Each structure stands twice: as structure tokens, then as C-alpha cells.
Amino acid sequence: MEQIEDNLYEELKKLIGDDLIVITQAVQLNLLGQVFRPIFTGTVSDVQHGHLTLSPIIIKMVNAPFYNFPFPISIPFEQIVSYSTEVPVDEVFPLA
């Protein structure tokens, strides 16, 4: 498992400054009273062993698909299900 995390660290470290879409494990999350799917887009601002940080970040919510979250968000590697640099951060897709 440690080797997988080291490989992910090295791969994500190369993406600092790039836009990224990240999907996490939870079926849905709750933040500030809003329930949303675990889909985040943003610029990779930092990568440390164990987590990556996106800033600025957009949380894809059904009622606000381009909600600009006011703070950076760090996502633990073990919560990341999928990520890609191939999906534009301004892409509109169904969330329901």
C-alpha cells in the first residue's frame, strides 16, 4: 500500500499548477448545510505525502454547479477514487 501511495504522490506532484477533477469515495457529502456529490475541480496547489490540496476549488453541486469554495481543500489520497486532467473544470455534466 505504501508503494501505491508513493507512486500516487509522485504522479500528483507533477500536476502542481494544473487543473484537475477529483472524485472521492463518499456517495454524497455535506458542507455548510449543502448536500453534494463528491466531485471537486480546481488547481493542484500542493501535494504532500498522504494528501493533495486544490486551490482555487469548485465544488460541483446540483443547485450550484460552479460553487467557488472560499478556502483550499486538502483531500487524503485514500479518499480519492478517480482524478483526471482531461475534463475541463468548466464542464457541465449531470449530477442528479
PDB file of N, CA and C in Angstrom:
ATOM      1  N   MET A   1       0.825  -1.204   0.000  1.00  0.00           N
ATOM      2  CA  MET A   1       0.000   0.000   0.000  1.00  0.00           C
ATOM      3  C   MET A   1       0.866   1.263   0.000  1.00  0.00           C
ATOM      4  N   GLU A   2       1.983   1.200   0.729  1.00  0.00           N
ATOM      5  CA  GLU A   2       2.867   2.367   0.794  1.00  0.00           C
ATOM      6  C   GLU A   2       3.458   2.684  -0.578  1.00  0.00           C
ATOM      7  N   GLN A   3       3.782   1.646  -1.349  1.00  0.00           N
ATOM      8  CA  GLN A   3       4.323   1.850  -2.698  1.00  0.00           C
ATOM      9  C   GLN A   3       3.291   2.535  -3.594  1.00  0.00           C
ATOM     10  N   ILE A   4       2.017   2.143  -3.460  1.00  0.00           N
ATOM     11  CA  ILE A   4       0.945   2.759  -4.250  1.00  0.00           C
ATOM     12  C   ILE A   4       0.828   4.234  -3.885  1.00  0.00           C
ATOM     13  N   GLU A   5       0.873   4.543  -2.583  1.00  0.00           N
ATOM     14  CA  GLU A   5       0.790   5.934  -2.149  1.00  0.00           C
ATOM     15  C   GLU A   5       1.992   6.735  -2.643  1.00  0.00           C
ATOM     16  N   ASP A   6       3.185   6.146  -2.620  1.00  0.00           N
ATOM     17  CA  ASP A   6       4.374   6.837  -3.131  1.00  0.00           C
ATOM     18  C   ASP A   6       4.246   7.114  -4.627  1.00  0.00           C
ATOM     19  N   ASN A   7       3.722   6.145  -5.369  1.00  0.00           N
ATOM     20  CA  ASN A   7       3.518   6.347  -6.813  1.00  0.00           C
ATOM     21  C   ASN A   7       2.503   7.452  -7.067  1.00  0.00           C
ATOM     22  N   LEU A   8       1.401   7.455  -6.294  1.00  0.00           N
ATOM     23  CA  LEU A   8       0.385   8.494  -6.436  1.00  0.00           C
ATOM     24  C   LEU A   8       0.978   9.854  -6.091  1.00  0.00           C
ATOM     25  N   TYR A   9       1.769   9.921  -5.032  1.00  0.00           N
ATOM     26  CA  TYR A   9       2.433  11.166  -4.643  1.00  0.00           C
ATOM     27  C   TYR A   9       3.279  11.700  -5.795  1.00  0.00           C
ATOM     28  N   GLU A  10       4.102  10.845  -6.370  1.00  0.00           N
ATOM     29  CA  GLU A  10       4.980  11.264  -7.471  1.00  0.00           C
ATOM     30  C   GLU A  10       4.171  11.722  -8.684  1.00  0.00           C
ATOM     31  N   GLU A  11       3.103  11.002  -8.989  1.00  0.00           N
ATOM     32  CA  GLU A  11       2.261  11.341 -10.144  1.00  0.00           C
ATOM     33  C   GLU A  11       1.547  12.676  -9.932  1.00  0.00           C
ATOM     34  N   LEU A  12       0.975  12.872  -8.747  1.00  0.00           N
ATOM     35  CA  LEU A  12       0.246  14.113  -8.462  1.00  0.00           C
ATOM     36  C   LEU A  12       1.186  15.306  -8.314  1.00  0.00           C
ATOM     37  N   LYS A  13       2.382  15.079  -7.810  1.00  0.00           N
ATOM     38  CA  LYS A  13       3.369  16.156  -7.650  1.00  0.00           C
ATOM     39  C   LYS A  13       3.667  16.821  -9.002  1.00  0.00           C
ATOM     40  N   LYS A  14       3.649  16.031 -10.074  1.00  0.00           N
ATOM     41  CA  LYS A  14       3.901  16.555 -11.421  1.00  0.00           C
ATOM     42  C   LYS A  14       2.761  17.448 -11.912  1.00  0.00           C
ATOM     43  N   LEU A  15       1.598  17.374 -11.242  1.00  0.00           N
ATOM     44  CA  LEU A  15       0.417  18.121 -11.682  1.00  0.00           C
ATOM     45  C   LEU A  15       0.236  19.453 -10.962  1.00  0.00           C
ATOM     46  N   ILE A  16       1.175  19.839 -10.105  1.00  0.00           N
ATOM     47  CA  ILE A  16       1.046  21.128  -9.412  1.00  0.00           C
ATOM     48  C   ILE A  16       0.926  22.233 -10.454  1.00  0.00           C
ATOM     49  N   GLY A  17      -0.109  23.061 -10.279  1.00  0.00           N
ATOM     50  CA  GLY A  17      -0.385  24.146 -11.213  1.00  0.00           C
ATOM     51  C   GLY A  17      -1.375  23.765 -12.302  1.00  0.00           C
ATOM     52  N   ASP A  18      -1.685  22.479 -12.432  1.00  0.00           N
ATOM     53  CA  ASP A  18      -2.640  22.015 -13.449  1.00  0.00           C
ATOM     54  C   ASP A  18      -4.040  21.924 -12.855  1.00  0.00           C
ATOM     55  N   ASP A  19      -5.049  22.031 -13.738  1.00  0.00           N
ATOM     56  CA  ASP A  19      -6.434  21.834 -13.328  1.00  0.00           C
ATOM     57  C   ASP A  19      -6.725  20.350 -13.265  1.00  0.00           C
ATOM     58  N   LEU A  20      -7.537  19.973 -12.279  1.00  0.00           N
ATOM     59  CA  LEU A  20      -7.788  18.568 -12.016  1.00  0.00           C
ATOM     60  C   LEU A  20      -9.235  18.398 -11.564  1.00  0.00           C
ATOM     61  N   ILE A  21      -9.866  17.310 -11.962  1.00  0.00           N
ATOM     62  CA  ILE A  21     -11.150  16.919 -11.394  1.00  0.00           C
ATOM     63  C   ILE A  21     -10.872  15.722 -10.499  1.00  0.00           C
ATOM     64  N   VAL A  22     -11.453  15.740  -9.297  1.00  0.00           N
ATOM     65  CA  VAL A  22     -11.238  14.673  -8.322  1.00  0.00           C
ATOM     66  C   VAL A  22     -12.593  14.174  -7.838  1.00  0.00           C
ATOM     67  N   ILE A  23     -12.748  12.862  -7.818  1.00  0.00           N
ATOM     68  CA  ILE A  23     -13.952  12.238  -7.266  1.00  0.00           C
ATOM     69  C   ILE A  23     -13.499  11.431  -6.055  1.00  0.00           C
ATOM     70  N   THR A  24     -14.197  11.641  -4.935  1.00  0.00           N
ATOM     71  CA  THR A  24     -13.830  10.940  -3.712  1.00  0.00           C
ATOM     72  C   THR A  24     -14.815   9.810  -3.410  1.00  0.00           C
ATOM     73  N   GLN A  25     -14.501   9.002  -2.393  1.00  0.00           N
ATOM     74  CA  GLN A  25     -15.247   7.790  -2.075  1.00  0.00           C
ATOM     75  C   GLN A  25     -16.693   7.996  -1.658  1.00  0.00           C
ATOM     76  N   ALA A  26     -16.999   9.001  -0.930  1.00  0.00           N
ATOM     77  CA  ALA A  26     -18.349   9.169  -0.382  1.00  0.00           C
ATOM     78  C   ALA A  26     -19.395   9.260  -1.492  1.00  0.00           C
ATOM     79  N   VAL A  27     -20.571   8.697  -1.214  1.00  0.00           N
ATOM     80  CA  VAL A  27     -21.680   8.804  -2.161  1.00  0.00           C
ATOM     81  C   VAL A  27     -22.148  10.252  -2.229  1.00  0.00           C
ATOM     82  N   GLN A  28     -22.210  10.900  -1.071  1.00  0.00           N
ATOM     83  CA  GLN A  28     -22.517  12.318  -1.001  1.00  0.00           C
ATOM     84  C   GLN A  28     -21.871  12.911   0.244  1.00  0.00           C
ATOM     85  N   LEU A  29     -21.670  14.202   0.208  1.00  0.00           N
ATOM     86  CA  LEU A  29     -21.043  14.917   1.319  1.00  0.00           C
ATOM     87  C   LEU A  29     -21.963  16.038   1.770  1.00  0.00           C
ATOM     88  N   ASN A  30     -21.708  16.565   2.948  1.00  0.00           N
ATOM     89  CA  ASN A  30     -22.479  17.679   3.470  1.00  0.00           C
ATOM     90  C   ASN A  30     -21.489  18.746   3.914  1.00  0.00           C
ATOM     91  N   LEU A  31     -21.658  19.941   3.379  1.00  0.00           N
ATOM     92  CA  LEU A  31     -20.764  21.045   3.721  1.00  0.00           C
ATOM     93  C   LEU A  31     -21.591  22.311   3.814  1.00  0.00           C
ATOM     94  N   LEU A  32     -21.519  22.968   4.949  1.00  0.00           N
ATOM     95  CA  LEU A  32     -22.269  24.199   5.172  1.00  0.00           C
ATOM     96  C   LEU A  32     -23.762  24.003   4.919  1.00  0.00           C
ATOM     97  N   GLY A  33     -24.273  22.828   5.292  1.00  0.00           N
ATOM     98  CA  GLY A  33     -25.698  22.553   5.138  1.00  0.00           C
ATOM     99  C   GLY A  33     -26.125  22.136   3.743  1.00  0.00           C
ATOM    100  N   GLN A  34     -25.199  22.052   2.817  1.00  0.00           N
ATOM    101  CA  GLN A  34     -25.500  21.640   1.447  1.00  0.00           C
ATOM    102  C   GLN A  34     -25.028  20.213   1.227  1.00  0.00           C
ATOM    103  N   VAL A  35     -25.916  19.367   0.696  1.00  0.00           N
ATOM    104  CA  VAL A  35     -25.543  18.009   0.346  1.00  0.00           C
ATOM    105  C   VAL A  35     -25.118  18.018  -1.117  1.00  0.00           C
ATOM    106  N   PHE A  36     -23.992  17.359  -1.415  1.00  0.00           N
ATOM    107  CA  PHE A  36     -23.493  17.380  -2.792  1.00  0.00           C
ATOM    108  C   PHE A  36     -22.733  16.107  -3.093  1.00  0.00           C
ATOM    109  N   ARG A  37     -22.551  15.838  -4.370  1.00  0.00           N
ATOM    110  CA  ARG A  37     -21.761  14.697  -4.816  1.00  0.00           C
ATOM    111  C   ARG A  37     -20.284  15.017  -4.573  1.00  0.00           C
ATOM    112  N   PRO A  38     -19.454  14.009  -4.361  1.00  0.00           N
ATOM    113  CA  PRO A  38     -18.043  14.253  -4.038  1.00  0.00           C
ATOM    114  C   PRO A  38     -17.188  14.520  -5.280  1.00  0.00           C
ATOM    115  N   ILE A  39     -17.558  15.563  -6.003  1.00  0.00           N
ATOM    116  CA  ILE A  39     -16.841  15.924  -7.236  1.00  0.00           C
ATOM    117  C   ILE A  39     -16.273  17.328  -7.051  1.00  0.00           C
ATOM    118  N   PHE A  40     -14.954  17.424  -7.187  1.00  0.00           N
ATOM    119  CA  PHE A  40     -14.264  18.695  -6.993  1.00  0.00           C
ATOM    120  C   PHE A  40     -13.408  18.986  -8.222  1.00  0.00           C
ATOM    121  N   THR A  41     -13.354  20.239  -8.623  1.00  0.00           N
ATOM    122  CA  THR A  41     -12.419  20.640  -9.664  1.00  0.00           C
ATOM    123  C   THR A  41     -11.621  21.822  -9.134  1.00  0.00           C
ATOM    124  N   GLY A  42     -10.398  21.904  -9.576  1.00  0.00           N
ATOM    125  CA  GLY A  42      -9.574  23.012  -9.135  1.00  0.00           C
ATOM    126  C   GLY A  42      -8.142  22.853  -9.591  1.00  0.00           C
ATOM    127  N   THR A  43      -7.328  23.761  -9.143  1.00  0.00           N
ATOM    128  CA  THR A  43      -5.909  23.751  -9.481  1.00  0.00           C
ATOM    129  C   THR A  43      -5.138  23.080  -8.358  1.00  0.00           C
ATOM    130  N   VAL A  44      -4.281  22.155  -8.724  1.00  0.00           N
ATOM    131  CA  VAL A  44      -3.445  21.483  -7.721  1.00  0.00           C
ATOM    132  C   VAL A  44      -2.442  22.510  -7.205  1.00  0.00           C
ATOM    133  N   SER A  45      -2.586  22.874  -5.932  1.00  0.00           N
ATOM    134  CA  SER A  45      -1.693  23.890  -5.367  1.00  0.00           C
ATOM    135  C   SER A  45      -0.597  23.284  -4.501  1.00  0.00           C
ATOM    136  N   ASP A  46      -0.829  22.067  -3.988  1.00  0.00           N
ATOM    137  CA  ASP A  46       0.180  21.441  -3.143  1.00  0.00           C
ATOM    138  C   ASP A  46      -0.058  19.939  -3.121  1.00  0.00           C
ATOM    139  N   VAL A  47       1.008  19.186  -2.995  1.00  0.00           N
ATOM    140  CA  VAL A  47       0.933  17.740  -2.831  1.00  0.00           C
ATOM    141  C   VAL A  47       1.932  17.364  -1.750  1.00  0.00           C
ATOM    142  N   GLN A  48       1.433  16.698  -0.719  1.00  0.00           N
ATOM    143  CA  GLN A  48       2.266  16.189   0.362  1.00  0.00           C
ATOM    144  C   GLN A  48       2.037  14.687   0.438  1.00  0.00           C
ATOM    145  N   HIS A  49       2.915  13.982   1.139  1.00  0.00           N
ATOM    146  CA  HIS A  49       2.680  12.551   1.321  1.00  0.00           C
ATOM    147  C   HIS A  49       1.361  12.389   2.065  1.00  0.00           C
ATOM    148  N   GLY A  50       0.391  11.758   1.416  1.00  0.00           N
ATOM    149  CA  GLY A  50      -0.883  11.487   2.060  1.00  0.00           C
ATOM    150  C   GLY A  50      -2.045  12.344   1.603  1.00  0.00           C
ATOM    151  N   HIS A  51      -1.781  13.509   0.989  1.00  0.00           N
ATOM    152  CA  HIS A  51      -2.910  14.343   0.534  1.00  0.00           C
ATOM    153  C   HIS A  51      -2.492  15.317  -0.568  1.00  0.00           C
ATOM    154  N   LEU A  52      -3.522  15.779  -1.304  1.00  0.00           N
ATOM    155  CA  LEU A  52      -3.292  16.843  -2.267  1.00  0.00           C
ATOM    156  C   LEU A  52      -4.206  17.999  -1.916  1.00  0.00           C
ATOM    157  N   THR A  53      -3.816  19.197  -2.275  1.00  0.00           N
ATOM    158  CA  THR A  53      -4.601  20.390  -1.991  1.00  0.00           C
ATOM    159  C   THR A  53      -4.976  21.061  -3.300  1.00  0.00           C
ATOM    160  N   LEU A  54      -6.268  21.401  -3.415  1.00  0.00           N
ATOM    161  CA  LEU A  54      -6.771  22.134  -4.573  1.00  0.00           C
ATOM    162  C   LEU A  54      -7.111  23.553  -4.150  1.00  0.00           C
ATOM    163  N   SER A  55      -6.681  24.527  -4.940  1.00  0.00           N
ATOM    164  CA  SER A  55      -6.990  25.928  -4.682  1.00  0.00           C
ATOM    165  C   SER A  55      -6.667  26.747  -5.919  1.00  0.00           C
ATOM    166  N   PRO A  56      -7.566  27.526  -6.438  1.00  0.00           N
ATOM    167  CA  PRO A  56      -8.968  27.630  -6.057  1.00  0.00           C
ATOM    168  C   PRO A  56      -9.704  26.346  -6.405  1.00  0.00           C
ATOM    169  N   ILE A  57     -10.857  26.163  -5.772  1.00  0.00           N
ATOM    170  CA  ILE A  57     -11.606  24.926  -5.954  1.00  0.00           C
ATOM    171  C   ILE A  57     -13.068  25.217  -6.247  1.00  0.00           C
ATOM    172  N   ILE A  58     -13.626  24.408  -7.112  1.00  0.00           N
ATOM    173  CA  ILE A  58     -15.058  24.474  -7.424  1.00  0.00           C
ATOM    174  C   ILE A  58     -15.669  23.159  -6.959  1.00  0.00           C
ATOM    175  N   ILE A  59     -16.731  23.267  -6.161  1.00  0.00           N
ATOM    176  CA  ILE A  59     -17.472  22.091  -5.731  1.00  0.00           C
ATOM    177  C   ILE A  59     -18.672  21.971  -6.654  1.00  0.00           C
ATOM    178  N   LYS A  60     -18.826  20.810  -7.266  1.00  0.00           N
ATOM    179  CA  LYS A  60     -19.924  20.581  -8.211  1.00  0.00           C
ATOM    180  C   LYS A  60     -21.186  20.199  -7.440  1.00  0.00           C
ATOM    181  N   MET A  61     -22.079  21.176  -7.209  1.00  0.00           N
ATOM    182  CA  MET A  61     -23.356  20.943  -6.541  1.00  0.00           C
ATOM    183  C   MET A  61     -24.477  21.019  -7.568  1.00  0.00           C
ATOM    184  N   VAL A  62     -25.563  20.277  -7.333  1.00  0.00           N
ATOM    185  CA  VAL A  62     -26.686  20.260  -8.267  1.00  0.00           C
ATOM    186  C   VAL A  62     -27.253  21.664  -8.441  1.00  0.00           C
ATOM    187  N   ASN A  63     -27.470  22.369  -7.337  1.00  0.00           N
ATOM    188  CA  ASN A  63     -28.084  23.698  -7.418  1.00  0.00           C
ATOM    189  C   ASN A  63     -27.061  24.820  -7.638  1.00  0.00           C
ATOM    190  N   ALA A  64     -25.784  24.498  -7.612  1.00  0.00           N
ATOM    191  CA  ALA A  64     -24.731  25.485  -7.854  1.00  0.00           C
ATOM    192  C   ALA A  64     -23.525  24.762  -8.436  1.00  0.00           C
ATOM    193  N   PRO A  65     -23.580  24.392  -9.738  1.00  0.00           N
ATOM    194  CA  PRO A  65     -22.531  23.547 -10.327  1.00  0.00           C
ATOM    195  C   PRO A  65     -21.145  24.193 -10.405  1.00  0.00           C
ATOM    196  N   PHE A  66     -21.059  25.490 -10.140  1.00  0.00           N
ATOM    197  CA  PHE A  66     -19.763  26.163 -10.192  1.00  0.00           C
ATOM    198  C   PHE A  66     -19.507  26.933  -8.901  1.00  0.00           C
ATOM    199  N   TYR A  67     -19.827  26.299  -7.756  1.00  0.00           N
ATOM    200  CA  TYR A  67     -19.645  26.950  -6.471  1.00  0.00           C
ATOM    201  C   TYR A  67     -18.157  27.065  -6.150  1.00  0.00           C
ATOM    202  N   ASN A  68     -17.679  28.296  -6.115  1.00  0.00           N
ATOM    203  CA  ASN A  68     -16.273  28.551  -5.771  1.00  0.00           C
ATOM    204  C   ASN A  68     -16.125  28.533  -4.255  1.00  0.00           C
ATOM    205  N   PHE A  69     -15.496  27.489  -3.746  1.00  0.00           N
ATOM    206  CA  PHE A  69     -15.291  27.373  -2.315  1.00  0.00           C
ATOM    207  C   PHE A  69     -14.215  28.371  -1.900  1.00  0.00           C
ATOM    208  N   PRO A  70     -14.435  29.115  -0.805  1.00  0.00           N
ATOM    209  CA  PRO A  70     -13.521  30.209  -0.463  1.00  0.00           C
ATOM    210  C   PRO A  70     -12.177  29.796   0.132  1.00  0.00           C
ATOM    211  N   PHE A  71     -11.990  28.510   0.420  1.00  0.00           N
ATOM    212  CA  PHE A  71     -10.743  28.058   1.041  1.00  0.00           C
ATOM    213  C   PHE A  71     -10.177  26.878   0.261  1.00  0.00           C
ATOM    214  N   PRO A  72      -8.870  26.665   0.330  1.00  0.00           N
ATOM    215  CA  PRO A  72      -8.297  25.452  -0.273  1.00  0.00           C
ATOM    216  C   PRO A  72      -8.853  24.209   0.428  1.00  0.00           C
ATOM    217  N   ILE A  73      -8.928  23.120  -0.290  1.00  0.00           N
ATOM    218  CA  ILE A  73      -9.364  21.850   0.287  1.00  0.00           C
ATOM    219  C   ILE A  73      -8.268  20.819   0.075  1.00  0.00           C
ATOM    220  N   SER A  74      -7.911  20.130   1.161  1.00  0.00           N
ATOM    221  CA  SER A  74      -6.947  19.031   1.086  1.00  0.00           C
ATOM    222  C   SER A  74      -7.720  17.720   1.107  1.00  0.00           C
ATOM    223  N   ILE A  75      -7.377  16.832   0.187  1.00  0.00           N
ATOM    224  CA  ILE A  75      -8.069  15.561   0.047  1.00  0.00           C
ATOM    225  C   ILE A  75      -7.064  14.441   0.307  1.00  0.00           C
ATOM    226  N   PRO A  76      -7.364  13.590   1.306  1.00  0.00           N
ATOM    227  CA  PRO A  76      -6.462  12.459   1.583  1.00  0.00           C
ATOM    228  C   PRO A  76      -6.420  11.494   0.396  1.00  0.00           C
ATOM    229  N   PHE A  77      -5.250  10.970   0.101  1.00  0.00           N
ATOM    230  CA  PHE A  77      -5.100  10.031  -1.015  1.00  0.00           C
ATOM    231  C   PHE A  77      -6.076   8.866  -0.911  1.00  0.00           C
ATOM    232  N   GLU A  78      -6.285   8.350   0.314  1.00  0.00           N
ATOM    233  CA  GLU A  78      -7.126   7.165   0.453  1.00  0.00           C
ATOM    234  C   GLU A  78      -8.595   7.438   0.141  1.00  0.00           C
ATOM    235  N   GLN A  79      -8.985   8.716   0.059  1.00  0.00           N
ATOM    236  CA  GLN A  79     -10.362   9.058  -0.280  1.00  0.00           C
ATOM    237  C   GLN A  79     -10.560   9.279  -1.783  1.00  0.00           C
ATOM    238  N   ILE A  80      -9.476   9.364  -2.537  1.00  0.00           N
ATOM    239  CA  ILE A  80      -9.572   9.620  -3.978  1.00  0.00           C
ATOM    240  C   ILE A  80      -9.923   8.329  -4.713  1.00  0.00           C
ATOM    241  N   VAL A  81     -11.036   8.370  -5.443  1.00  0.00           N
ATOM    242  CA  VAL A  81     -11.463   7.235  -6.259  1.00  0.00           C
ATOM    243  C   VAL A  81     -10.945   7.401  -7.679  1.00  0.00           C
ATOM    244  N   SER A  82     -11.016   8.636  -8.175  1.00  0.00           N
ATOM    245  CA  SER A  82     -10.615   8.913  -9.553  1.00  0.00           C
ATOM    246  C   SER A  82     -10.201  10.370  -9.678  1.00  0.00           C
ATOM    247  N   TYR A  83      -9.325  10.636 -10.634  1.00  0.00           N
ATOM    248  CA  TYR A  83      -8.955  12.013 -10.947  1.00  0.00           C
ATOM    249  C   TYR A  83      -8.530  12.075 -12.405  1.00  0.00           C
ATOM    250  N   SER A  84      -8.621  13.286 -12.971  1.00  0.00           N
ATOM    251  CA  SER A  84      -8.262  13.442 -14.375  1.00  0.00           C
ATOM    252  C   SER A  84      -7.923  14.900 -14.671  1.00  0.00           C
ATOM    253  N   THR A  85      -7.005  15.067 -15.587  1.00  0.00           N
ATOM    254  CA  THR A  85      -6.707  16.406 -16.111  1.00  0.00           C
ATOM    255  C   THR A  85      -7.412  16.598 -17.451  1.00  0.00           C
ATOM    256  N   GLU A  86      -8.109  15.562 -17.924  1.00  0.00           N
ATOM    257  CA  GLU A  86      -8.739  15.580 -19.247  1.00  0.00           C
ATOM    258  C   GLU A  86     -10.112  16.244 -19.268  1.00  0.00           C
ATOM    259  N   VAL A  87     -10.744  16.440 -18.109  1.00  0.00           N
ATOM    260  CA  VAL A  87     -12.077  17.042 -18.052  1.00  0.00           C
ATOM    261  C   VAL A  87     -11.914  18.522 -17.722  1.00  0.00           C
ATOM    262  N   PRO A  88     -12.395  19.429 -18.585  1.00  0.00           N
ATOM    263  CA  PRO A  88     -12.283  20.858 -18.292  1.00  0.00           C
ATOM    264  C   PRO A  88     -13.038  21.214 -17.005  1.00  0.00           C
ATOM    265  N   VAL A  89     -12.454  22.085 -16.185  1.00  0.00           N
ATOM    266  CA  VAL A  89     -13.083  22.443 -14.928  1.00  0.00           C
ATOM    267  C   VAL A  89     -14.421  23.151 -15.120  1.00  0.00           C
ATOM    268  N   ASP A  90     -14.639  23.737 -16.296  1.00  0.00           N
ATOM    269  CA  ASP A  90     -15.915  24.413 -16.541  1.00  0.00           C
ATOM    270  C   ASP A  90     -16.921  23.511 -17.264  1.00  0.00           C
ATOM    271  N   GLU A  91     -16.628  22.224 -17.344  1.00  0.00           N
ATOM    272  CA  GLU A  91     -17.520  21.257 -17.969  1.00  0.00           C
ATOM    273  C   GLU A  91     -18.810  21.130 -17.158  1.00  0.00           C
ATOM    274  N   VAL A  92     -19.944  21.146 -17.851  1.00  0.00           N
ATOM    275  CA  VAL A  92     -21.237  20.950 -17.207  1.00  0.00           C
ATOM    276  C   VAL A  92     -21.649  19.510 -17.467  1.00  0.00           C
ATOM    277  N   PHE A  93     -21.973  18.763 -16.401  1.00  0.00           N
ATOM    278  CA  PHE A  93     -22.443  17.406 -16.566  1.00  0.00           C
ATOM    279  C   PHE A  93     -23.490  17.117 -15.487  1.00  0.00           C
ATOM    280  N   PRO A  94     -24.397  16.157 -15.754  1.00  0.00           N
ATOM    281  CA  PRO A  94     -25.491  15.890 -14.804  1.00  0.00           C
ATOM    282  C   PRO A  94     -24.969  15.324 -13.490  1.00  0.00           C
ATOM    283  N   LEU A  95     -25.514  15.818 -12.377  1.00  0.00           N
ATOM    284  CA  LEU A  95     -25.089  15.378 -11.064  1.00  0.00           C
ATOM    285  C   LEU A  95     -26.186  14.634 -10.310  1.00  0.00           C
ATOM    286  N   ALA A  96     -27.381  14.654 -10.819  1.00  0.00           N
ATOM    287  CA  ALA A  96     -28.517  14.030 -10.108  1.00  0.00           C
ATOM    288  C   ALA A  96     -28.548  12.546 -10.326  1.00  0.00           C
TER     289      ALA A  96
END
